Amino acid sequence: MWPSQSFIAFYGMDSVRFTGATKIGDTIHCEVEIEEMEAKDDQRGVIAARNSIKNQRGEDLVVYTTKILVGRKPKS
């Protein structure tokens, strides 16, 4: 999911909503949308991402936001 060399810390999950049930035989996947990128300093930043766990019919089962602290690319 996240490149291990850039991941520094997991800040947590917000707005967790369980909106549907997973049933036997379901195939699930996660869709991730980057909502915000905030620079902390020249070397680090925080990424906020909206995560949606969906079934094979595209129905949301779990929706939540994660925040992680990551390394930034050095300026060239």
PDB file of N, CA and C in Angstrom:
ATOM      1  N   MET A   1       0.829  -1.191   0.000  1.00  0.00           N
ATOM      2  CA  MET A   1       0.000   0.000   0.000  1.00  0.00           C
ATOM      3  C   MET A   1       0.871   1.251   0.000  1.00  0.00           C
ATOM      4  N   TRP A   2       1.524   1.578   1.110  1.00  0.00           N
ATOM      5  CA  TRP A   2       2.404   2.735   1.175  1.00  0.00           C
ATOM      6  C   TRP A   2       3.839   2.257   1.017  1.00  0.00           C
ATOM      7  N   PRO A   3       4.662   2.951   0.232  1.00  0.00           N
ATOM      8  CA  PRO A   3       6.067   2.552   0.109  1.00  0.00           C
ATOM      9  C   PRO A   3       6.750   2.580   1.473  1.00  0.00           C
ATOM     10  N   SER A   4       7.383   1.476   1.843  1.00  0.00           N
ATOM     11  CA  SER A   4       7.950   1.370   3.190  1.00  0.00           C
ATOM     12  C   SER A   4       9.045   2.387   3.453  1.00  0.00           C
ATOM     13  N   GLN A   5       9.800   2.802   2.438  1.00  0.00           N
ATOM     14  CA  GLN A   5      10.881   3.755   2.663  1.00  0.00           C
ATOM     15  C   GLN A   5      10.372   5.161   2.972  1.00  0.00           C
ATOM     16  N   SER A   6       9.115   5.476   2.635  1.00  0.00           N
ATOM     17  CA  SER A   6       8.595   6.813   2.906  1.00  0.00           C
ATOM     18  C   SER A   6       7.714   6.860   4.154  1.00  0.00           C
ATOM     19  N   PHE A   7       7.226   5.714   4.606  1.00  0.00           N
ATOM     20  CA  PHE A   7       6.335   5.652   5.772  1.00  0.00           C
ATOM     21  C   PHE A   7       7.134   5.882   7.052  1.00  0.00           C
ATOM     22  N   ILE A   8       6.701   6.848   7.884  1.00  0.00           N
ATOM     23  CA  ILE A   8       7.375   7.131   9.148  1.00  0.00           C
ATOM     24  C   ILE A   8       6.488   6.749  10.322  1.00  0.00           C
ATOM     25  N   ALA A   9       5.235   7.206  10.323  1.00  0.00           N
ATOM     26  CA  ALA A   9       4.355   6.934  11.465  1.00  0.00           C
ATOM     27  C   ALA A   9       2.890   6.936  11.028  1.00  0.00           C
ATOM     28  N   PHE A  10       2.111   6.111  11.701  1.00  0.00           N
ATOM     29  CA  PHE A  10       0.664   6.060  11.501  1.00  0.00           C
ATOM     30  C   PHE A  10       0.037   6.983  12.530  1.00  0.00           C
ATOM     31  N   TYR A  11      -0.665   8.031  12.067  1.00  0.00           N
ATOM     32  CA  TYR A  11      -1.281   8.996  12.976  1.00  0.00           C
ATOM     33  C   TYR A  11      -2.653   8.564  13.461  1.00  0.00           C
ATOM     34  N   GLY A  12      -3.301   7.633  12.762  1.00  0.00           N
ATOM     35  CA  GLY A  12      -4.587   7.147  13.231  1.00  0.00           C
ATOM     36  C   GLY A  12      -5.661   7.158  12.174  1.00  0.00           C
ATOM     37  N   MET A  13      -6.857   6.746  12.629  1.00  0.00           N
ATOM     38  CA  MET A  13      -8.039   6.668  11.770  1.00  0.00           C
ATOM     39  C   MET A  13      -9.123   7.570  12.339  1.00  0.00           C
ATOM     40  N   ASP A  14      -9.819   8.266  11.455  1.00  0.00           N
ATOM     41  CA  ASP A  14     -10.915   9.155  11.840  1.00  0.00           C
ATOM     42  C   ASP A  14     -12.163   8.770  11.058  1.00  0.00           C
ATOM     43  N   SER A  15     -13.302   9.161  11.571  1.00  0.00           N
ATOM     44  CA  SER A  15     -14.589   9.034  10.874  1.00  0.00           C
ATOM     45  C   SER A  15     -14.838   7.619  10.363  1.00  0.00           C
ATOM     46  N   VAL A  16     -14.613   6.630  11.198  1.00  0.00           N
ATOM     47  CA  VAL A  16     -14.834   5.239  10.797  1.00  0.00           C
ATOM     48  C   VAL A  16     -16.331   4.947  10.793  1.00  0.00           C
ATOM     49  N   ARG A  17     -16.846   4.477   9.637  1.00  0.00           N
ATOM     50  CA  ARG A  17     -18.271   4.142   9.510  1.00  0.00           C
ATOM     51  C   ARG A  17     -18.395   2.756   8.897  1.00  0.00           C
ATOM     52  N   PHE A  18     -19.101   1.884   9.568  1.00  0.00           N
ATOM     53  CA  PHE A  18     -19.434   0.567   9.036  1.00  0.00           C
ATOM     54  C   PHE A  18     -20.816   0.697   8.399  1.00  0.00           C
ATOM     55  N   THR A  19     -20.851   0.641   7.094  1.00  0.00           N
ATOM     56  CA  THR A  19     -22.093   0.949   6.376  1.00  0.00           C
ATOM     57  C   THR A  19     -22.769  -0.264   5.758  1.00  0.00           C
ATOM     58  N   GLY A  20     -22.111  -1.419   5.787  1.00  0.00           N
ATOM     59  CA  GLY A  20     -22.704  -2.615   5.210  1.00  0.00           C
ATOM     60  C   GLY A  20     -22.058  -3.861   5.781  1.00  0.00           C
ATOM     61  N   ALA A  21     -22.665  -4.996   5.523  1.00  0.00           N
ATOM     62  CA  ALA A  21     -22.159  -6.269   6.040  1.00  0.00           C
ATOM     63  C   ALA A  21     -21.398  -7.015   4.948  1.00  0.00           C
ATOM     64  N   THR A  22     -20.328  -7.691   5.334  1.00  0.00           N
ATOM     65  CA  THR A  22     -19.616  -8.588   4.438  1.00  0.00           C
ATOM     66  C   THR A  22     -20.223  -9.970   4.586  1.00  0.00           C
ATOM     67  N   LYS A  23     -20.568 -10.563   3.469  1.00  0.00           N
ATOM     68  CA  LYS A  23     -21.229 -11.869   3.496  1.00  0.00           C
ATOM     69  C   LYS A  23     -20.284 -12.945   2.968  1.00  0.00           C
ATOM     70  N   ILE A  24     -20.526 -14.187   3.336  1.00  0.00           N
ATOM     71  CA  ILE A  24     -19.734 -15.303   2.840  1.00  0.00           C
ATOM     72  C   ILE A  24     -19.798 -15.304   1.316  1.00  0.00           C
ATOM     73  N   GLY A  25     -18.633 -15.408   0.692  1.00  0.00           N
ATOM     74  CA  GLY A  25     -18.557 -15.402  -0.768  1.00  0.00           C
ATOM     75  C   GLY A  25     -18.293 -14.033  -1.368  1.00  0.00           C
ATOM     76  N   ASP A  26     -18.381 -12.966  -0.574  1.00  0.00           N
ATOM     77  CA  ASP A  26     -18.089 -11.628  -1.082  1.00  0.00           C
ATOM     78  C   ASP A  26     -16.606 -11.507  -1.440  1.00  0.00           C
ATOM     79  N   THR A  27     -16.344 -10.698  -2.434  1.00  0.00           N
ATOM     80  CA  THR A  27     -14.992 -10.294  -2.787  1.00  0.00           C
ATOM     81  C   THR A  27     -14.894  -8.819  -2.439  1.00  0.00           C
ATOM     82  N   ILE A  28     -13.892  -8.465  -1.626  1.00  0.00           N
ATOM     83  CA  ILE A  28     -13.774  -7.070  -1.202  1.00  0.00           C
ATOM     84  C   ILE A  28     -12.461  -6.478  -1.712  1.00  0.00           C
ATOM     85  N   HIS A  29     -12.478  -5.153  -1.842  1.00  0.00           N
ATOM     86  CA  HIS A  29     -11.271  -4.415  -2.214  1.00  0.00           C
ATOM     87  C   HIS A  29     -11.323  -3.040  -1.557  1.00  0.00           C
ATOM     88  N   CYS A  30     -10.192  -2.363  -1.549  1.00  0.00           N
ATOM     89  CA  CYS A  30     -10.091  -1.033  -0.928  1.00  0.00           C
ATOM     90  C   CYS A  30      -9.789   0.004  -2.004  1.00  0.00           C
ATOM     91  N   GLU A  31     -10.553   1.079  -2.010  1.00  0.00           N
ATOM     92  CA  GLU A  31     -10.277   2.231  -2.871  1.00  0.00           C
ATOM     93  C   GLU A  31      -9.787   3.360  -1.985  1.00  0.00           C
ATOM     94  N   VAL A  32      -8.698   4.003  -2.389  1.00  0.00           N
ATOM     95  CA  VAL A  32      -8.068   5.054  -1.588  1.00  0.00           C
ATOM     96  C   VAL A  32      -8.028   6.341  -2.395  1.00  0.00           C
ATOM     97  N   GLU A  33      -8.473   7.429  -1.756  1.00  0.00           N
ATOM     98  CA  GLU A  33      -8.424   8.754  -2.376  1.00  0.00           C
ATOM     99  C   GLU A  33      -7.648   9.685  -1.458  1.00  0.00           C
ATOM    100  N   ILE A  34      -6.593  10.297  -1.978  1.00  0.00           N
ATOM    101  CA  ILE A  34      -5.819  11.262  -1.194  1.00  0.00           C
ATOM    102  C   ILE A  34      -6.643  12.535  -1.074  1.00  0.00           C
ATOM    103  N   GLU A  35      -6.932  12.926   0.169  1.00  0.00           N
ATOM    104  CA  GLU A  35      -7.742  14.127   0.409  1.00  0.00           C
ATOM    105  C   GLU A  35      -6.892  15.355   0.682  1.00  0.00           C
ATOM    106  N   GLU A  36      -5.745  15.152   1.312  1.00  0.00           N
ATOM    107  CA  GLU A  36      -4.943  16.296   1.717  1.00  0.00           C
ATOM    108  C   GLU A  36      -3.483  15.880   1.886  1.00  0.00           C
ATOM    109  N   MET A  37      -2.575  16.755   1.497  1.00  0.00           N
ATOM    110  CA  MET A  37      -1.150  16.582   1.755  1.00  0.00           C
ATOM    111  C   MET A  37      -0.655  17.867   2.402  1.00  0.00           C
ATOM    112  N   GLU A  38      -0.068  17.731   3.570  1.00  0.00           N
ATOM    113  CA  GLU A  38       0.377  18.898   4.334  1.00  0.00           C
ATOM    114  C   GLU A  38       1.852  18.753   4.670  1.00  0.00           C
ATOM    115  N   ALA A  39       2.659  19.738   4.285  1.00  0.00           N
ATOM    116  CA  ALA A  39       4.083  19.721   4.600  1.00  0.00           C
ATOM    117  C   ALA A  39       4.285  20.056   6.074  1.00  0.00           C
ATOM    118  N   LYS A  40       5.091  19.243   6.749  1.00  0.00           N
ATOM    119  CA  LYS A  40       5.453  19.525   8.144  1.00  0.00           C
ATOM    120  C   LYS A  40       6.753  20.328   8.182  1.00  0.00           C
ATOM    121  N   ASP A  41       7.719  19.916   7.380  1.00  0.00           N
ATOM    122  CA  ASP A  41       8.994  20.603   7.228  1.00  0.00           C
ATOM    123  C   ASP A  41       9.579  20.162   5.890  1.00  0.00           C
ATOM    124  N   ASP A  42      10.873  20.411   5.648  1.00  0.00           N
ATOM    125  CA  ASP A  42      11.475  20.053   4.362  1.00  0.00           C
ATOM    126  C   ASP A  42      11.609  18.545   4.155  1.00  0.00           C
ATOM    127  N   GLN A  43      11.535  17.765   5.228  1.00  0.00           N
ATOM    128  CA  GLN A  43      11.771  16.325   5.123  1.00  0.00           C
ATOM    129  C   GLN A  43      10.532  15.468   5.354  1.00  0.00           C
ATOM    130  N   ARG A  44       9.477  16.030   5.943  1.00  0.00           N
ATOM    131  CA  ARG A  44       8.311  15.222   6.311  1.00  0.00           C
ATOM    132  C   ARG A  44       7.005  15.926   5.961  1.00  0.00           C
ATOM    133  N   GLY A  45       5.954  15.128   5.805  1.00  0.00           N
ATOM    134  CA  GLY A  45       4.629  15.661   5.551  1.00  0.00           C
ATOM    135  C   GLY A  45       3.572  14.675   6.018  1.00  0.00           C
ATOM    136  N   VAL A  46       2.320  15.138   6.091  1.00  0.00           N
ATOM    137  CA  VAL A  46       1.208  14.294   6.519  1.00  0.00           C
ATOM    138  C   VAL A  46       0.257  14.123   5.337  1.00  0.00           C
ATOM    139  N   ILE A  47      -0.125  12.868   5.097  1.00  0.00           N
ATOM    140  CA  ILE A  47      -1.094  12.551   4.055  1.00  0.00           C
ATOM    141  C   ILE A  47      -2.382  12.077   4.719  1.00  0.00           C
ATOM    142  N   ALA A  48      -3.511  12.684   4.329  1.00  0.00           N
ATOM    143  CA  ALA A  48      -4.833  12.230   4.777  1.00  0.00           C
ATOM    144  C   ALA A  48      -5.487  11.533   3.585  1.00  0.00           C
ATOM    145  N   ALA A  49      -5.937  10.296   3.809  1.00  0.00           N
ATOM    146  CA  ALA A  49      -6.527   9.517   2.722  1.00  0.00           C
ATOM    147  C   ALA A  49      -7.872   8.949   3.147  1.00  0.00           C
ATOM    148  N   ARG A  50      -8.856   9.038   2.247  1.00  0.00           N
ATOM    149  CA  ARG A  50     -10.175   8.439   2.483  1.00  0.00           C
ATOM    150  C   ARG A  50     -10.131   7.027   1.924  1.00  0.00           C
ATOM    151  N   ASN A  51     -10.447   6.054   2.746  1.00  0.00           N
ATOM    152  CA  ASN A  51     -10.421   4.646   2.373  1.00  0.00           C
ATOM    153  C   ASN A  51     -11.844   4.105   2.338  1.00  0.00           C
ATOM    154  N   SER A  52     -12.173   3.384   1.285  1.00  0.00           N
ATOM    155  CA  SER A  52     -13.490   2.754   1.161  1.00  0.00           C
ATOM    156  C   SER A  52     -13.287   1.274   0.879  1.00  0.00           C
ATOM    157  N   ILE A  53     -13.746   0.435   1.803  1.00  0.00           N
ATOM    158  CA  ILE A  53     -13.755  -1.002   1.572  1.00  0.00           C
ATOM    159  C   ILE A  53     -15.073  -1.316   0.875  1.00  0.00           C
ATOM    160  N   LYS A  54     -15.003  -1.919  -0.320  1.00  0.00           N
ATOM    161  CA  LYS A  54     -16.199  -2.164  -1.132  1.00  0.00           C
ATOM    162  C   LYS A  54     -16.308  -3.649  -1.468  1.00  0.00           C
ATOM    163  N   ASN A  55     -17.537  -4.073  -1.717  1.00  0.00           N
ATOM    164  CA  ASN A  55     -17.752  -5.450  -2.166  1.00  0.00           C
ATOM    165  C   ASN A  55     -17.761  -5.490  -3.693  1.00  0.00           C
ATOM    166  N   GLN A  56     -18.021  -6.674  -4.240  1.00  0.00           N
ATOM    167  CA  GLN A  56     -17.987  -6.866  -5.692  1.00  0.00           C
ATOM    168  C   GLN A  56     -19.078  -6.087  -6.416  1.00  0.00           C
ATOM    169  N   ARG A  57     -20.092  -5.614  -5.715  1.00  0.00           N
ATOM    170  CA  ARG A  57     -21.151  -4.798  -6.314  1.00  0.00           C
ATOM    171  C   ARG A  57     -20.862  -3.299  -6.201  1.00  0.00           C
ATOM    172  N   GLY A  58     -19.706  -2.955  -5.628  1.00  0.00           N
ATOM    173  CA  GLY A  58     -19.332  -1.550  -5.480  1.00  0.00           C
ATOM    174  C   GLY A  58     -19.980  -0.869  -4.292  1.00  0.00           C
ATOM    175  N   GLU A  59     -20.596  -1.645  -3.394  1.00  0.00           N
ATOM    176  CA  GLU A  59     -21.251  -1.081  -2.213  1.00  0.00           C
ATOM    177  C   GLU A  59     -20.218  -0.846  -1.108  1.00  0.00           C
ATOM    178  N   ASP A  60     -20.286   0.321  -0.471  1.00  0.00           N
ATOM    179  CA  ASP A  60     -19.390   0.610   0.652  1.00  0.00           C
ATOM    180  C   ASP A  60     -19.731  -0.281   1.838  1.00  0.00           C
ATOM    181  N   LEU A  61     -18.695  -0.867   2.434  1.00  0.00           N
ATOM    182  CA  LEU A  61     -18.860  -1.670   3.647  1.00  0.00           C
ATOM    183  C   LEU A  61     -18.267  -0.946   4.849  1.00  0.00           C
ATOM    184  N   VAL A  62     -17.099  -0.348   4.649  1.00  0.00           N
ATOM    185  CA  VAL A  62     -16.425   0.439   5.685  1.00  0.00           C
ATOM    186  C   VAL A  62     -15.816   1.655   5.001  1.00  0.00           C
ATOM    187  N   VAL A  63     -15.990   2.816   5.606  1.00  0.00           N
ATOM    188  CA  VAL A  63     -15.399   4.053   5.092  1.00  0.00           C
ATOM    189  C   VAL A  63     -14.678   4.729   6.254  1.00  0.00           C
ATOM    190  N   TYR A  64     -13.424   5.133   6.024  1.00  0.00           N
ATOM    191  CA  TYR A  64     -12.649   5.780   7.087  1.00  0.00           C
ATOM    192  C   TYR A  64     -11.535   6.628   6.478  1.00  0.00           C
ATOM    193  N   THR A  65     -10.988   7.515   7.290  1.00  0.00           N
ATOM    194  CA  THR A  65      -9.884   8.368   6.880  1.00  0.00           C
ATOM    195  C   THR A  65      -8.652   8.008   7.707  1.00  0.00           C
ATOM    196  N   THR A  66      -7.521   7.864   7.033  1.00  0.00           N
ATOM    197  CA  THR A  66      -6.258   7.627   7.730  1.00  0.00           C
ATOM    198  C   THR A  66      -5.343   8.827   7.549  1.00  0.00           C
ATOM    199  N   LYS A  67      -4.476   9.026   8.526  1.00  0.00           N
ATOM    200  CA  LYS A  67      -3.429  10.036   8.428  1.00  0.00           C
ATOM    201  C   LYS A  67      -2.103   9.362   8.717  1.00  0.00           C
ATOM    202  N   ILE A  68      -1.129   9.612   7.834  1.00  0.00           N
ATOM    203  CA  ILE A  68       0.196   9.047   8.043  1.00  0.00           C
ATOM    204  C   ILE A  68       1.262  10.115   7.847  1.00  0.00           C
ATOM    205  N   LEU A  69       2.347   9.977   8.584  1.00  0.00           N
ATOM    206  CA  LEU A  69       3.509  10.840   8.445  1.00  0.00           C
ATOM    207  C   LEU A  69       4.469  10.158   7.491  1.00  0.00           C
ATOM    208  N   VAL A  70       4.878  10.866   6.445  1.00  0.00           N
ATOM    209  CA  VAL A  70       5.748  10.289   5.422  1.00  0.00           C
ATOM    210  C   VAL A  70       6.949  11.184   5.165  1.00  0.00           C
ATOM    211  N   GLY A  71       7.973  10.580   4.596  1.00  0.00           N
ATOM    212  CA  GLY A  71       9.132  11.355   4.146  1.00  0.00           C
ATOM    213  C   GLY A  71       8.811  12.048   2.840  1.00  0.00           C
ATOM    214  N   ARG A  72       9.421  13.203   2.631  1.00  0.00           N
ATOM    215  CA  ARG A  72       9.218  13.955   1.391  1.00  0.00           C
ATOM    216  C   ARG A  72      10.424  13.788   0.479  1.00  0.00           C
ATOM    217  N   LYS A  73      10.196  13.960  -0.809  1.00  0.00           N
ATOM    218  CA  LYS A  73      11.299  13.929  -1.760  1.00  0.00           C
ATOM    219  C   LYS A  73      12.194  15.143  -1.533  1.00  0.00           C
ATOM    220  N   PRO A  74      13.515  14.942  -1.588  1.00  0.00           N
ATOM    221  CA  PRO A  74      14.394  16.107  -1.470  1.00  0.00           C
ATOM    222  C   PRO A  74      14.209  17.038  -2.681  1.00  0.00           C
ATOM    223  N   LYS A  75      14.292  18.328  -2.443  1.00  0.00           N
ATOM    224  CA  LYS A  75      14.178  19.287  -3.537  1.00  0.00           C
ATOM    225  C   LYS A  75      15.460  19.244  -4.364  1.00  0.00           C
ATOM    226  N   SER A  76      15.281  19.180  -5.680  1.00  0.00           N
ATOM    227  CA  SER A  76      16.440  19.088  -6.581  1.00  0.00           C
ATOM    228  C   SER A  76      16.956  20.458  -6.928  1.00  0.00           C
TER     229      SER A  76
END
